[in-house]
Amino acid sequence: MIRAVLVFSFILAAVGFGVNAHATFGDISLTSPKMVSLTGQELTSIHVGQQIGVQSVITNHAASEKRFTYLVQVLNNKGQTEYFEGLSASILPNQSFTVSQLWIPKESGPYTVQTFVWDSLLLPTPVTNVIQTQVMVE
């Protein structure tokens, strides 16, 4: 089920694991997501029912303030959407900050975590490419 709920949540610690990838599509760049605990600690394993922060760093390379919506989509091993949430905010010129969305896996197995940025949910124009990360839930 896809829910278009805007959640304003920020986790300021920037630790975790994942592939070093960046998605840039214009003035905004996005780092590969990291899976962290509620305190920002790097997770070496993920368990069913555990609260997982899907965390990325967004950077505005433009000379002006930009509005954005950070989106996280989690797909199960059948390619079905299990989770879809986002947060909207503004970012100042040449600013970077860490954003995070909370995901609680309900079943064990492999998942694909996708992160990306749109300009808004009302007019969903891509601002970055999609970054995919594979995670295993125990």
N, C-alpha and C. Protein backbone atom coordinates (compact mmCIF):
# COMPACT_ATOMS: atom_id res chain seq x y z
N MET A 1 0.85 -1.16 0.00
CA MET A 1 0.00 0.00 0.00
C MET A 1 0.90 1.23 0.00
N ILE A 2 0.61 2.15 -0.87
CA ILE A 2 1.40 3.37 -0.96
C ILE A 2 0.65 4.47 -0.21
N ARG A 3 1.35 5.12 0.70
CA ARG A 3 0.76 6.22 1.46
C ARG A 3 1.56 7.47 1.17
N ALA A 4 0.89 8.52 0.85
CA ALA A 4 1.54 9.80 0.55
C ALA A 4 1.50 10.67 1.79
N VAL A 5 2.17 10.20 2.82
CA VAL A 5 2.20 10.92 4.08
C VAL A 5 3.55 11.61 4.20
N LEU A 6 3.53 12.88 4.49
CA LEU A 6 4.78 13.61 4.67
C LEU A 6 5.17 13.53 6.13
N VAL A 7 6.36 13.09 6.37
CA VAL A 7 6.86 12.97 7.72
C VAL A 7 8.11 13.83 7.83
N PHE A 8 8.12 14.71 8.80
CA PHE A 8 9.26 15.59 8.97
C PHE A 8 10.13 15.02 10.09
N SER A 9 11.12 14.23 9.68
CA SER A 9 12.00 13.60 10.66
C SER A 9 13.43 13.69 10.17
N PHE A 10 14.30 14.05 11.04
CA PHE A 10 15.70 14.17 10.68
C PHE A 10 16.55 13.44 11.72
N ILE A 11 17.46 12.63 11.27
CA ILE A 11 18.43 12.00 12.14
C ILE A 11 19.77 12.62 11.78
N LEU A 12 20.46 13.19 12.74
CA LEU A 12 21.64 13.97 12.43
C LEU A 12 22.93 13.16 12.38
N ALA A 13 22.98 11.99 12.97
CA ALA A 13 24.19 11.18 12.91
C ALA A 13 24.32 10.56 11.53
N ALA A 14 25.53 10.48 11.03
CA ALA A 14 25.73 9.98 9.66
C ALA A 14 26.66 8.78 9.66
N VAL A 15 26.18 7.65 10.16
CA VAL A 15 26.94 6.42 10.13
C VAL A 15 26.05 5.33 9.57
N GLY A 16 26.66 4.27 9.02
CA GLY A 16 25.87 3.18 8.49
C GLY A 16 26.67 2.37 7.49
N PHE A 17 25.94 1.55 6.70
CA PHE A 17 26.62 0.75 5.70
C PHE A 17 25.89 0.91 4.38
N GLY A 18 26.52 0.48 3.31
CA GLY A 18 25.89 0.58 1.99
C GLY A 18 26.95 0.87 0.94
N VAL A 19 26.52 0.89 -0.28
CA VAL A 19 27.40 1.16 -1.40
C VAL A 19 27.61 2.67 -1.50
N ASN A 20 28.83 3.08 -1.80
CA ASN A 20 29.07 4.51 -1.99
C ASN A 20 28.59 4.90 -3.37
N ALA A 21 27.40 5.41 -3.43
CA ALA A 21 26.82 5.86 -4.70
C ALA A 21 26.17 7.20 -4.47
N HIS A 22 26.13 7.97 -5.51
CA HIS A 22 25.48 9.28 -5.43
C HIS A 22 24.53 9.39 -6.60
N ALA A 23 23.39 9.99 -6.36
CA ALA A 23 22.44 10.26 -7.44
C ALA A 23 22.38 11.76 -7.62
N THR A 24 22.75 12.21 -8.79
CA THR A 24 22.68 13.63 -9.10
C THR A 24 21.87 13.79 -10.36
N PHE A 25 20.98 14.75 -10.34
CA PHE A 25 20.10 14.98 -11.48
C PHE A 25 19.77 16.46 -11.42
N GLY A 26 20.75 17.30 -11.76
CA GLY A 26 20.56 18.73 -11.63
C GLY A 26 21.31 19.28 -10.44
N ASP A 27 20.63 20.11 -9.65
CA ASP A 27 21.27 20.83 -8.55
C ASP A 27 21.32 20.07 -7.23
N ILE A 28 20.59 18.97 -7.11
CA ILE A 28 20.51 18.22 -5.86
C ILE A 28 21.23 16.89 -6.02
N SER A 29 22.04 16.52 -5.03
CA SER A 29 22.65 15.19 -5.03
C SER A 29 22.22 14.45 -3.77
N LEU A 30 22.25 13.12 -3.85
CA LEU A 30 21.79 12.23 -2.79
C LEU A 30 22.77 11.09 -2.65
N THR A 31 23.20 10.80 -1.42
CA THR A 31 24.10 9.67 -1.20
C THR A 31 23.32 8.37 -1.09
N SER A 32 24.03 7.28 -1.24
CA SER A 32 23.45 5.95 -1.06
C SER A 32 22.92 5.83 0.36
N PRO A 33 21.76 5.17 0.55
CA PRO A 33 21.19 5.09 1.90
C PRO A 33 22.02 4.20 2.82
N LYS A 34 21.98 4.55 4.09
CA LYS A 34 22.61 3.78 5.15
C LYS A 34 21.52 3.33 6.09
N MET A 35 21.63 2.13 6.63
CA MET A 35 20.67 1.62 7.58
C MET A 35 21.22 1.85 8.98
N VAL A 36 20.48 2.63 9.78
CA VAL A 36 20.96 3.02 11.11
C VAL A 36 19.88 2.77 12.16
N SER A 37 20.31 2.72 13.42
CA SER A 37 19.38 2.62 14.54
C SER A 37 18.77 3.99 14.82
N LEU A 38 17.87 4.04 15.78
CA LEU A 38 17.24 5.32 16.14
C LEU A 38 18.25 6.32 16.69
N THR A 39 19.39 5.83 17.19
CA THR A 39 20.42 6.72 17.72
C THR A 39 21.49 7.04 16.67
N GLY A 40 21.29 6.56 15.43
CA GLY A 40 22.25 6.84 14.37
C GLY A 40 23.40 5.86 14.29
N GLN A 41 23.34 4.78 15.08
CA GLN A 41 24.40 3.78 15.06
C GLN A 41 24.30 2.91 13.80
N GLU A 42 25.44 2.58 13.23
CA GLU A 42 25.48 1.70 12.06
C GLU A 42 24.91 0.34 12.43
N LEU A 43 24.07 -0.21 11.54
CA LEU A 43 23.51 -1.54 11.77
C LEU A 43 24.28 -2.56 10.93
N THR A 44 24.74 -3.60 11.59
CA THR A 44 25.43 -4.67 10.88
C THR A 44 24.47 -5.81 10.57
N SER A 45 23.31 -5.82 11.22
CA SER A 45 22.26 -6.78 10.90
C SER A 45 20.91 -6.09 11.14
N ILE A 46 19.91 -6.58 10.43
CA ILE A 46 18.56 -6.02 10.53
C ILE A 46 17.62 -7.16 10.89
N HIS A 47 16.72 -6.90 11.83
CA HIS A 47 15.81 -7.94 12.31
C HIS A 47 14.35 -7.53 12.14
N VAL A 48 13.48 -8.52 12.00
CA VAL A 48 12.04 -8.29 11.89
C VAL A 48 11.58 -7.50 13.12
N GLY A 49 10.77 -6.46 12.89
CA GLY A 49 10.23 -5.65 13.97
C GLY A 49 11.15 -4.55 14.48
N GLN A 50 12.38 -4.52 14.00
CA GLN A 50 13.35 -3.50 14.42
C GLN A 50 13.08 -2.18 13.70
N GLN A 51 13.22 -1.07 14.39
CA GLN A 51 13.07 0.25 13.77
C GLN A 51 14.36 0.61 13.06
N ILE A 52 14.27 0.79 11.75
CA ILE A 52 15.43 1.05 10.89
C ILE A 52 15.33 2.47 10.34
N GLY A 53 16.38 3.24 10.49
CA GLY A 53 16.46 4.53 9.83
C GLY A 53 17.11 4.35 8.47
N VAL A 54 16.40 4.71 7.42
CA VAL A 54 16.97 4.71 6.07
C VAL A 54 17.45 6.13 5.84
N GLN A 55 18.76 6.29 5.88
CA GLN A 55 19.39 7.61 5.99
C GLN A 55 20.24 7.95 4.77
N SER A 56 20.12 9.17 4.29
CA SER A 56 20.92 9.67 3.17
C SER A 56 21.33 11.11 3.45
N VAL A 57 22.31 11.58 2.69
CA VAL A 57 22.72 12.99 2.77
C VAL A 57 22.30 13.66 1.47
N ILE A 58 21.58 14.77 1.61
CA ILE A 58 21.14 15.57 0.47
C ILE A 58 22.00 16.83 0.42
N THR A 59 22.46 17.19 -0.79
CA THR A 59 23.26 18.40 -0.97
C THR A 59 22.64 19.24 -2.07
N ASN A 60 22.53 20.55 -1.81
CA ASN A 60 22.04 21.51 -2.79
C ASN A 60 23.25 22.21 -3.40
N HIS A 61 23.52 21.98 -4.67
CA HIS A 61 24.65 22.57 -5.37
C HIS A 61 24.27 23.88 -6.07
N ALA A 62 23.02 24.28 -5.94
CA ALA A 62 22.53 25.48 -6.62
C ALA A 62 22.88 26.74 -5.84
N ALA A 63 22.69 27.88 -6.50
CA ALA A 63 22.93 29.18 -5.87
C ALA A 63 21.67 29.70 -5.17
N SER A 64 20.61 28.92 -5.17
CA SER A 64 19.35 29.34 -4.54
C SER A 64 18.78 28.22 -3.67
N GLU A 65 17.90 28.59 -2.78
CA GLU A 65 17.21 27.61 -1.92
C GLU A 65 16.33 26.71 -2.78
N LYS A 66 16.26 25.43 -2.41
CA LYS A 66 15.46 24.46 -3.17
C LYS A 66 14.53 23.71 -2.21
N ARG A 67 13.28 23.50 -2.64
CA ARG A 67 12.35 22.62 -1.93
C ARG A 67 12.54 21.22 -2.49
N PHE A 68 12.33 20.21 -1.66
CA PHE A 68 12.48 18.84 -2.12
C PHE A 68 11.62 17.90 -1.28
N THR A 69 11.40 16.71 -1.82
CA THR A 69 10.76 15.62 -1.08
C THR A 69 11.65 14.39 -1.20
N TYR A 70 12.17 13.92 -0.06
CA TYR A 70 13.01 12.72 0.02
C TYR A 70 12.08 11.53 0.18
N LEU A 71 12.22 10.54 -0.70
CA LEU A 71 11.33 9.39 -0.68
C LEU A 71 12.10 8.09 -0.48
N VAL A 72 11.50 7.21 0.31
CA VAL A 72 12.05 5.88 0.54
C VAL A 72 10.98 4.87 0.18
N GLN A 73 11.34 3.94 -0.69
CA GLN A 73 10.44 2.84 -1.05
C GLN A 73 11.17 1.54 -0.79
N VAL A 74 10.48 0.60 -0.12
CA VAL A 74 11.08 -0.70 0.16
C VAL A 74 10.25 -1.76 -0.56
N LEU A 75 10.93 -2.58 -1.36
CA LEU A 75 10.29 -3.65 -2.12
C LEU A 75 10.66 -5.00 -1.52
N ASN A 76 9.68 -5.92 -1.44
CA ASN A 76 9.98 -7.27 -0.96
C ASN A 76 10.59 -8.09 -2.09
N ASN A 77 10.84 -9.39 -1.82
CA ASN A 77 11.51 -10.23 -2.83
C ASN A 77 10.62 -10.53 -4.04
N LYS A 78 9.33 -10.15 -3.99
CA LYS A 78 8.43 -10.30 -5.13
C LYS A 78 8.30 -9.00 -5.92
N GLY A 79 9.04 -7.97 -5.49
CA GLY A 79 8.99 -6.68 -6.16
C GLY A 79 7.79 -5.82 -5.76
N GLN A 80 7.09 -6.23 -4.70
CA GLN A 80 5.93 -5.49 -4.22
C GLN A 80 6.35 -4.43 -3.22
N THR A 81 5.70 -3.28 -3.26
CA THR A 81 6.01 -2.20 -2.34
C THR A 81 5.49 -2.55 -0.95
N GLU A 82 6.40 -2.58 0.02
CA GLU A 82 6.05 -2.85 1.41
C GLU A 82 6.02 -1.56 2.23
N TYR A 83 6.72 -0.55 1.73
CA TYR A 83 6.85 0.70 2.48
C TYR A 83 7.10 1.82 1.48
N PHE A 84 6.44 2.97 1.69
CA PHE A 84 6.66 4.14 0.84
C PHE A 84 6.34 5.37 1.68
N GLU A 85 7.35 6.13 2.02
CA GLU A 85 7.19 7.34 2.85
C GLU A 85 8.13 8.41 2.35
N GLY A 86 7.86 9.65 2.73
CA GLY A 86 8.71 10.74 2.34
C GLY A 86 8.65 11.89 3.32
N LEU A 87 9.57 12.80 3.16
CA LEU A 87 9.57 14.03 3.94
C LEU A 87 9.90 15.18 3.01
N SER A 88 9.30 16.33 3.28
CA SER A 88 9.54 17.51 2.46
C SER A 88 10.19 18.59 3.31
N ALA A 89 11.09 19.33 2.68
CA ALA A 89 11.80 20.41 3.38
C ALA A 89 12.41 21.33 2.34
N SER A 90 13.09 22.35 2.81
CA SER A 90 13.86 23.25 1.96
C SER A 90 15.32 23.12 2.34
N ILE A 91 16.19 23.34 1.38
CA ILE A 91 17.62 23.28 1.63
C ILE A 91 18.26 24.53 1.03
N LEU A 92 19.12 25.15 1.81
CA LEU A 92 19.78 26.40 1.40
C LEU A 92 20.86 26.12 0.36
N PRO A 93 21.32 27.16 -0.33
CA PRO A 93 22.39 26.98 -1.32
C PRO A 93 23.65 26.39 -0.68
N ASN A 94 24.25 25.46 -1.36
CA ASN A 94 25.51 24.81 -0.93
C ASN A 94 25.41 24.16 0.45
N GLN A 95 24.22 23.80 0.85
CA GLN A 95 24.01 23.14 2.14
C GLN A 95 23.87 21.63 1.93
N SER A 96 24.34 20.86 2.92
CA SER A 96 24.13 19.42 2.97
C SER A 96 23.53 19.10 4.32
N PHE A 97 22.60 18.17 4.34
CA PHE A 97 22.14 17.66 5.61
C PHE A 97 21.62 16.24 5.47
N THR A 98 21.56 15.58 6.62
CA THR A 98 21.17 14.18 6.68
C THR A 98 19.66 14.08 6.88
N VAL A 99 19.04 13.23 6.07
CA VAL A 99 17.61 12.96 6.18
C VAL A 99 17.41 11.47 6.43
N SER A 100 16.30 11.13 7.06
CA SER A 100 16.05 9.73 7.38
C SER A 100 14.56 9.46 7.44
N GLN A 101 14.18 8.27 7.07
CA GLN A 101 12.81 7.78 7.19
C GLN A 101 12.85 6.46 7.97
N LEU A 102 11.87 6.26 8.81
CA LEU A 102 11.81 5.08 9.67
C LEU A 102 11.04 3.96 9.00
N TRP A 103 11.66 2.78 8.90
CA TRP A 103 11.05 1.58 8.32
C TRP A 103 11.13 0.46 9.33
N ILE A 104 10.04 -0.31 9.48
CA ILE A 104 10.02 -1.47 10.38
C ILE A 104 9.69 -2.70 9.54
N PRO A 105 10.69 -3.56 9.25
CA PRO A 105 10.42 -4.76 8.45
C PRO A 105 9.50 -5.73 9.20
N LYS A 106 8.56 -6.32 8.46
CA LYS A 106 7.57 -7.22 9.06
C LYS A 106 7.89 -8.69 8.85
N GLU A 107 8.74 -9.00 7.87
CA GLU A 107 9.10 -10.38 7.56
C GLU A 107 10.59 -10.47 7.26
N SER A 108 11.15 -11.66 7.47
CA SER A 108 12.55 -11.87 7.13
C SER A 108 12.69 -12.08 5.63
N GLY A 109 13.90 -11.88 5.14
CA GLY A 109 14.18 -12.09 3.72
C GLY A 109 14.87 -10.90 3.09
N PRO A 110 15.11 -10.99 1.78
CA PRO A 110 15.78 -9.89 1.08
C PRO A 110 14.81 -8.77 0.71
N TYR A 111 15.30 -7.55 0.78
CA TYR A 111 14.52 -6.37 0.41
C TYR A 111 15.38 -5.46 -0.46
N THR A 112 14.73 -4.68 -1.30
CA THR A 112 15.38 -3.64 -2.07
C THR A 112 14.91 -2.31 -1.52
N VAL A 113 15.86 -1.50 -1.06
CA VAL A 113 15.55 -0.17 -0.55
C VAL A 113 15.89 0.82 -1.65
N GLN A 114 14.90 1.62 -2.04
CA GLN A 114 15.10 2.64 -3.06
C GLN A 114 14.94 4.01 -2.43
N THR A 115 15.89 4.90 -2.72
CA THR A 115 15.79 6.28 -2.25
C THR A 115 15.91 7.21 -3.46
N PHE A 116 15.17 8.31 -3.40
CA PHE A 116 15.20 9.28 -4.50
C PHE A 116 14.58 10.58 -4.02
N VAL A 117 14.75 11.62 -4.81
CA VAL A 117 14.23 12.95 -4.46
C VAL A 117 13.37 13.46 -5.61
N TRP A 118 12.19 13.97 -5.23
CA TRP A 118 11.30 14.68 -6.16
C TRP A 118 11.23 16.12 -5.71
N ASP A 119 10.73 16.99 -6.59
CA ASP A 119 10.55 18.39 -6.17
C ASP A 119 9.38 18.51 -5.21
N SER A 120 8.34 17.67 -5.34
CA SER A 120 7.22 17.64 -4.39
C SER A 120 6.37 16.41 -4.69
N LEU A 121 5.43 16.11 -3.79
CA LEU A 121 4.48 15.03 -4.05
C LEU A 121 3.34 15.49 -4.95
N LEU A 122 3.01 16.77 -4.90
CA LEU A 122 1.92 17.28 -5.72
C LEU A 122 2.29 17.33 -7.20
N LEU A 123 3.52 17.73 -7.50
CA LEU A 123 4.03 17.76 -8.86
C LEU A 123 5.31 16.94 -8.88
N PRO A 124 5.18 15.61 -8.94
CA PRO A 124 6.34 14.73 -8.75
C PRO A 124 7.30 14.70 -9.93
N THR A 125 8.21 15.67 -9.94
CA THR A 125 9.26 15.72 -10.95
C THR A 125 10.55 15.21 -10.32
N PRO A 126 11.21 14.21 -10.93
CA PRO A 126 12.45 13.68 -10.35
C PRO A 126 13.52 14.76 -10.24
N VAL A 127 14.19 14.78 -9.11
CA VAL A 127 15.30 15.69 -8.86
C VAL A 127 16.62 14.91 -8.82
N THR A 128 16.54 13.62 -8.47
CA THR A 128 17.70 12.72 -8.51
C THR A 128 17.28 11.42 -9.18
N ASN A 129 18.27 10.63 -9.55
CA ASN A 129 18.01 9.27 -9.99
C ASN A 129 17.68 8.43 -8.77
N VAL A 130 17.15 7.24 -8.99
CA VAL A 130 16.85 6.30 -7.92
C VAL A 130 18.11 5.55 -7.55
N ILE A 131 18.37 5.44 -6.23
CA ILE A 131 19.48 4.62 -5.73
C ILE A 131 18.87 3.38 -5.10
N GLN A 132 19.36 2.21 -5.48
CA GLN A 132 18.87 0.95 -4.91
C GLN A 132 19.95 0.31 -4.04
N THR A 133 19.51 -0.20 -2.89
CA THR A 133 20.40 -0.92 -1.99
C THR A 133 19.70 -2.20 -1.55
N GLN A 134 20.42 -3.29 -1.57
CA GLN A 134 19.87 -4.57 -1.12
C GLN A 134 20.16 -4.77 0.36
N VAL A 135 19.14 -5.20 1.12
CA VAL A 135 19.34 -5.52 2.53
C VAL A 135 18.70 -6.85 2.84
N MET A 136 19.23 -7.55 3.84
CA MET A 136 18.70 -8.83 4.28
C MET A 136 18.16 -8.65 5.70
N VAL A 137 16.91 -9.04 5.90
CA VAL A 137 16.28 -8.96 7.21
C VAL A 137 16.24 -10.37 7.81
N GLU A 138 16.71 -10.49 9.04
CA GLU A 138 16.75 -11.79 9.73
C GLU A 138 15.55 -11.97 10.62
